[in-house]
Amino acid sequence: MQQRGPMAPGGERRAFLEQQPTFWLKRSYQLLRRAVDGELRAFGLTLSQRDVLLALYEEGPLDQSALRERLGLEQSSVSRLVDGLVRRQLVELQPGDTDRRVRLATLTSGGRDLLLTTPGSSELGGTVMVGDMTSEERHELVRLLKRCVDNLSSHTATRHEAPDRG
């Protein structure tokens, strides 16, 4: 039977974790996120806030469900981010054209100006993350990460398909 829950603390658990791609991917993301958030603090933004501004810049007005899908966040997180950006007058909320209950988040000129002055995560942390890698290693890393995304996407799609009742 497969063990559920974490292994007991200690050397055996640490050795196991250090062999897991998920451990290193999570650790890389945590450190990248910390570095980027630290740099964006000078602009008064977090990476999540910048991601909202970027989504609205690239796609135009979006409702919070579309933002949730785009950013891969929980609805409560998106609501909190948007509300904070509205208070700072970087985003406006407007009623939808067809359903007045739906509120569309729209980038303000101040939000656009701030976004255009901030560097992105690739510039802030991505170059450091792969700084000592050769070009071939960077290409291989990207290839493998894309393959991971494909594997996870197909797994998720398969798990969410409706069962065949025919």
C-alpha atoms as a PDB file:
ATOM      1  CA  MET A   1       0.000   0.000   0.000  1.00  0.00           C
ATOM      2  CA  GLN A   2       1.256   3.491  -0.897  1.00  0.00           C
ATOM      3  CA  GLN A   3       2.213   5.664   2.072  1.00  0.00           C
ATOM      4  CA  ARG A   4       0.042   8.728   2.633  1.00  0.00           C
ATOM      5  CA  GLY A   5       1.270  11.865   4.310  1.00  0.00           C
ATOM      6  CA  PRO A   6       4.837  13.004   4.805  1.00  0.00           C
ATOM      7  CA  MET A   7       7.711  10.722   5.645  1.00  0.00           C
ATOM      8  CA  ALA A   8       9.111  11.063   9.139  1.00  0.00           C
ATOM      9  CA  PRO A   9      11.575  13.957   9.489  1.00  0.00           C
ATOM     10  CA  GLY A  10      15.220  13.081   9.090  1.00  0.00           C
ATOM     11  CA  GLY A  11      17.900  12.123   6.647  1.00  0.00           C
ATOM     12  CA  GLU A  12      15.857   9.518   4.780  1.00  0.00           C
ATOM     13  CA  ARG A  13      13.083  12.031   4.056  1.00  0.00           C
ATOM     14  CA  ARG A  14      15.590  14.684   2.971  1.00  0.00           C
ATOM     15  CA  ALA A  15      17.389  12.236   0.657  1.00  0.00           C
ATOM     16  CA  PHE A  16      14.048  11.227  -0.866  1.00  0.00           C
ATOM     17  CA  LEU A  17      12.984  14.850  -1.414  1.00  0.00           C
ATOM     18  CA  GLU A  18      16.271  15.800  -3.017  1.00  0.00           C
ATOM     19  CA  GLN A  19      15.589  13.209  -5.735  1.00  0.00           C
ATOM     20  CA  GLN A  20      12.141  14.649  -6.568  1.00  0.00           C
ATOM     21  CA  PRO A  21      11.728  17.131  -9.437  1.00  0.00           C
ATOM     22  CA  THR A  22       8.721  18.625  -7.633  1.00  0.00           C
ATOM     23  CA  PHE A  23      10.905  19.505  -4.634  1.00  0.00           C
ATOM     24  CA  TRP A  24      13.375  21.427  -6.782  1.00  0.00           C
ATOM     25  CA  LEU A  25      10.702  23.049  -8.917  1.00  0.00           C
ATOM     26  CA  LYS A  26       8.886  24.313  -5.818  1.00  0.00           C
ATOM     27  CA  ARG A  27      12.132  25.483  -4.232  1.00  0.00           C
ATOM     28  CA  SER A  28      13.142  27.307  -7.445  1.00  0.00           C
ATOM     29  CA  TYR A  29       9.741  28.988  -7.639  1.00  0.00           C
ATOM     30  CA  GLN A  30       9.907  30.082  -4.000  1.00  0.00           C
ATOM     31  CA  LEU A  31      13.330  31.651  -4.441  1.00  0.00           C
ATOM     32  CA  LEU A  32      12.418  33.213  -7.795  1.00  0.00           C
ATOM     33  CA  ARG A  33       9.237  34.640  -6.295  1.00  0.00           C
ATOM     34  CA  ARG A  34      11.129  36.063  -3.304  1.00  0.00           C
ATOM     35  CA  ALA A  35      13.740  37.688  -5.570  1.00  0.00           C
ATOM     36  CA  VAL A  36      11.164  39.176  -7.943  1.00  0.00           C
ATOM     37  CA  ASP A  37       8.881  40.422  -5.164  1.00  0.00           C
ATOM     38  CA  GLY A  38      11.894  42.014  -3.494  1.00  0.00           C
ATOM     39  CA  GLU A  39      12.821  43.882  -6.663  1.00  0.00           C
ATOM     40  CA  LEU A  40       9.217  44.914  -7.421  1.00  0.00           C
ATOM     41  CA  ARG A  41       8.837  46.348  -3.910  1.00  0.00           C
ATOM     42  CA  ALA A  42      10.671  49.444  -5.177  1.00  0.00           C
ATOM     43  CA  PHE A  43       7.727  49.983  -7.554  1.00  0.00           C
ATOM     44  CA  GLY A  44       5.121  49.331  -4.850  1.00  0.00           C
ATOM     45  CA  LEU A  45       4.007  46.052  -6.465  1.00  0.00           C
ATOM     46  CA  THR A  46       4.131  42.334  -5.915  1.00  0.00           C
ATOM     47  CA  LEU A  47       4.515  39.840  -8.737  1.00  0.00           C
ATOM     48  CA  SER A  48       0.846  38.846  -8.391  1.00  0.00           C
ATOM     49  CA  GLN A  49      -0.269  42.466  -8.693  1.00  0.00           C
ATOM     50  CA  ARG A  50       1.974  42.966 -11.720  1.00  0.00           C
ATOM     51  CA  ASP A  51       0.516  39.805 -13.261  1.00  0.00           C
ATOM     52  CA  VAL A  52      -3.005  41.278 -12.967  1.00  0.00           C
ATOM     53  CA  LEU A  53      -1.872  44.516 -14.599  1.00  0.00           C
ATOM     54  CA  LEU A  54      -0.094  42.564 -17.343  1.00  0.00           C
ATOM     55  CA  ALA A  55      -3.153  40.401 -18.057  1.00  0.00           C
ATOM     56  CA  LEU A  56      -5.353  43.495 -18.411  1.00  0.00           C
ATOM     57  CA  TYR A  57      -2.725  45.206 -20.575  1.00  0.00           C
ATOM     58  CA  GLU A  58      -2.455  42.224 -22.916  1.00  0.00           C
ATOM     59  CA  GLU A  59      -6.105  41.198 -23.096  1.00  0.00           C
ATOM     60  CA  GLY A  60      -8.113  44.297 -22.223  1.00  0.00           C
ATOM     61  CA  PRO A  61     -10.969  44.296 -19.714  1.00  0.00           C
ATOM     62  CA  LEU A  62     -11.535  40.947 -17.996  1.00  0.00           C
ATOM     63  CA  ASP A  63     -13.996  39.718 -15.420  1.00  0.00           C
ATOM     64  CA  GLN A  64     -12.619  38.112 -12.304  1.00  0.00           C
ATOM     65  CA  SER A  65     -13.374  34.579 -13.509  1.00  0.00           C
ATOM     66  CA  ALA A  66     -11.285  35.165 -16.624  1.00  0.00           C
ATOM     67  CA  LEU A  67      -8.505  36.642 -14.470  1.00  0.00           C
ATOM     68  CA  ARG A  68      -8.669  33.600 -12.192  1.00  0.00           C
ATOM     69  CA  GLU A  69      -8.254  31.285 -15.184  1.00  0.00           C
ATOM     70  CA  ARG A  70      -5.465  33.377 -16.696  1.00  0.00           C
ATOM     71  CA  LEU A  71      -3.493  33.655 -13.443  1.00  0.00           C
ATOM     72  CA  GLY A  72      -4.231  30.214 -12.003  1.00  0.00           C
ATOM     73  CA  LEU A  73      -5.317  31.683  -8.668  1.00  0.00           C
ATOM     74  CA  GLU A  74      -8.248  31.127  -6.347  1.00  0.00           C
ATOM     75  CA  GLN A  75     -11.212  33.479  -6.762  1.00  0.00           C
ATOM     76  CA  SER A  76     -10.645  34.998  -3.297  1.00  0.00           C
ATOM     77  CA  SER A  77      -7.027  35.802  -4.204  1.00  0.00           C
ATOM     78  CA  VAL A  78      -8.064  37.459  -7.453  1.00  0.00           C
ATOM     79  CA  SER A  79     -10.730  39.502  -5.657  1.00  0.00           C
ATOM     80  CA  ARG A  80      -8.228  40.656  -3.043  1.00  0.00           C
ATOM     81  CA  LEU A  81      -5.645  41.585  -5.707  1.00  0.00           C
ATOM     82  CA  VAL A  82      -8.149  43.483  -7.850  1.00  0.00           C
ATOM     83  CA  ASP A  83      -9.645  45.306  -4.862  1.00  0.00           C
ATOM     84  CA  GLY A  84      -6.175  46.445  -3.776  1.00  0.00           C
ATOM     85  CA  LEU A  85      -5.364  47.671  -7.277  1.00  0.00           C
ATOM     86  CA  VAL A  86      -8.709  49.499  -7.446  1.00  0.00           C
ATOM     87  CA  ARG A  87      -7.953  51.272  -4.136  1.00  0.00           C
ATOM     88  CA  ARG A  88      -4.635  52.399  -5.640  1.00  0.00           C
ATOM     89  CA  GLN A  89      -6.446  53.559  -8.805  1.00  0.00           C
ATOM     90  CA  LEU A  90      -4.403  51.230 -11.005  1.00  0.00           C
ATOM     91  CA  VAL A  91      -7.511  49.258 -12.042  1.00  0.00           C
ATOM     92  CA  GLU A  92     -11.165  50.244 -12.431  1.00  0.00           C
ATOM     93  CA  LEU A  93     -14.195  47.983 -12.112  1.00  0.00           C
ATOM     94  CA  GLN A  94     -17.032  48.526 -14.570  1.00  0.00           C
ATOM     95  CA  PRO A  95     -20.306  46.640 -15.081  1.00  0.00           C
ATOM     96  CA  GLY A  96     -20.343  44.153 -17.948  1.00  0.00           C
ATOM     97  CA  ASP A  97     -22.089  44.979 -21.204  1.00  0.00           C
ATOM     98  CA  THR A  98     -24.480  42.020 -21.211  1.00  0.00           C
ATOM     99  CA  ASP A  99     -24.648  41.124 -17.518  1.00  0.00           C
ATOM    100  CA  ARG A 100     -24.546  44.129 -15.215  1.00  0.00           C
ATOM    101  CA  ARG A 101     -23.735  41.836 -12.245  1.00  0.00           C
ATOM    102  CA  VAL A 102     -20.390  40.920 -13.826  1.00  0.00           C
ATOM    103  CA  ARG A 103     -17.725  43.488 -13.138  1.00  0.00           C
ATOM    104  CA  LEU A 104     -14.943  43.961 -15.634  1.00  0.00           C
ATOM    105  CA  ALA A 105     -11.502  44.948 -14.409  1.00  0.00           C
ATOM    106  CA  THR A 106      -9.903  47.561 -16.645  1.00  0.00           C
ATOM    107  CA  LEU A 107      -6.395  48.948 -16.541  1.00  0.00           C
ATOM    108  CA  THR A 108      -6.272  52.683 -15.756  1.00  0.00           C
ATOM    109  CA  SER A 109      -3.732  54.975 -17.379  1.00  0.00           C
ATOM    110  CA  GLY A 110      -1.864  55.040 -14.052  1.00  0.00           C
ATOM    111  CA  GLY A 111      -1.833  51.230 -13.980  1.00  0.00           C
ATOM    112  CA  ARG A 112      -0.568  51.105 -17.551  1.00  0.00           C
ATOM    113  CA  ASP A 113       2.158  53.664 -16.831  1.00  0.00           C
ATOM    114  CA  LEU A 114       3.301  51.758 -13.736  1.00  0.00           C
ATOM    115  CA  LEU A 115       3.314  48.441 -15.585  1.00  0.00           C
ATOM    116  CA  LEU A 116       5.396  49.869 -18.403  1.00  0.00           C
ATOM    117  CA  THR A 117       8.048  51.063 -15.935  1.00  0.00           C
ATOM    118  CA  THR A 118       8.422  47.724 -14.132  1.00  0.00           C
ATOM    119  CA  PRO A 119      10.713  44.925 -15.240  1.00  0.00           C
ATOM    120  CA  GLY A 120       9.235  41.446 -15.580  1.00  0.00           C
ATOM    121  CA  SER A 121      10.111  38.300 -13.668  1.00  0.00           C
ATOM    122  CA  SER A 122      12.335  37.034 -16.496  1.00  0.00           C
ATOM    123  CA  GLU A 123      14.457  40.164 -16.242  1.00  0.00           C
ATOM    124  CA  LEU A 124      14.405  40.322 -12.441  1.00  0.00           C
ATOM    125  CA  GLY A 125      15.017  36.704 -11.520  1.00  0.00           C
ATOM    126  CA  GLY A 126      15.052  34.503 -14.579  1.00  0.00           C
ATOM    127  CA  THR A 127      18.455  35.623 -15.767  1.00  0.00           C
ATOM    128  CA  VAL A 128      19.938  34.965 -12.340  1.00  0.00           C
ATOM    129  CA  MET A 129      18.234  31.562 -12.149  1.00  0.00           C
ATOM    130  CA  VAL A 130      19.932  30.320 -15.322  1.00  0.00           C
ATOM    131  CA  GLY A 131      22.975  32.580 -15.103  1.00  0.00           C
ATOM    132  CA  ASP A 132      25.669  29.906 -15.077  1.00  0.00           C
ATOM    133  CA  MET A 133      23.957  27.588 -17.582  1.00  0.00           C
ATOM    134  CA  THR A 134      25.116  27.172 -21.138  1.00  0.00           C
ATOM    135  CA  SER A 135      22.749  28.004 -23.952  1.00  0.00           C
ATOM    136  CA  GLU A 136      22.233  24.277 -24.529  1.00  0.00           C
ATOM    137  CA  GLU A 137      21.389  23.704 -20.852  1.00  0.00           C
ATOM    138  CA  ARG A 138      18.846  26.544 -20.907  1.00  0.00           C
ATOM    139  CA  HIS A 139      17.206  25.100 -24.033  1.00  0.00           C
ATOM    140  CA  GLU A 140      17.129  21.646 -22.435  1.00  0.00           C
ATOM    141  CA  LEU A 141      15.598  23.050 -19.250  1.00  0.00           C
ATOM    142  CA  VAL A 142      12.873  24.810 -21.234  1.00  0.00           C
ATOM    143  CA  ARG A 143      12.241  21.660 -23.291  1.00  0.00           C
ATOM    144  CA  LEU A 144      11.872  19.528 -20.165  1.00  0.00           C
ATOM    145  CA  LEU A 145       9.633  22.047 -18.404  1.00  0.00           C
ATOM    146  CA  LYS A 146       7.390  22.237 -21.477  1.00  0.00           C
ATOM    147  CA  ARG A 147       7.173  18.454 -21.425  1.00  0.00           C
ATOM    148  CA  CYS A 148       6.174  18.582 -17.750  1.00  0.00           C
ATOM    149  CA  VAL A 149       3.460  21.118 -18.592  1.00  0.00           C
ATOM    150  CA  ASP A 150       2.189  18.895 -21.422  1.00  0.00           C
ATOM    151  CA  ASN A 151       2.123  15.857 -19.115  1.00  0.00           C
ATOM    152  CA  LEU A 152       0.253  17.735 -16.410  1.00  0.00           C
ATOM    153  CA  SER A 153      -2.159  19.317 -18.898  1.00  0.00           C
ATOM    154  CA  SER A 154      -3.093  16.009 -20.484  1.00  0.00           C
ATOM    155  CA  HIS A 155      -3.436  14.376 -17.049  1.00  0.00           C
ATOM    156  CA  THR A 156      -5.713  17.173 -15.834  1.00  0.00           C
ATOM    157  CA  ALA A 157      -7.791  17.085 -19.018  1.00  0.00           C
ATOM    158  CA  THR A 158      -8.201  13.299 -18.760  1.00  0.00           C
ATOM    159  CA  ARG A 159      -9.245  13.491 -15.105  1.00  0.00           C
ATOM    160  CA  HIS A 160     -11.849  16.195 -15.788  1.00  0.00           C
ATOM    161  CA  GLU A 161     -13.450  14.610 -18.835  1.00  0.00           C
ATOM    162  CA  ALA A 162     -16.981  13.378 -18.346  1.00  0.00           C
ATOM    163  CA  PRO A 163     -17.179   9.581 -18.103  1.00  0.00           C
ATOM    164  CA  ASP A 164     -18.477   7.787 -21.175  1.00  0.00           C
ATOM    165  CA  ARG A 165     -21.965   6.541 -20.362  1.00  0.00           C
ATOM    166  CA  GLY A 166     -22.565   4.916 -23.726  1.00  0.00           C
END
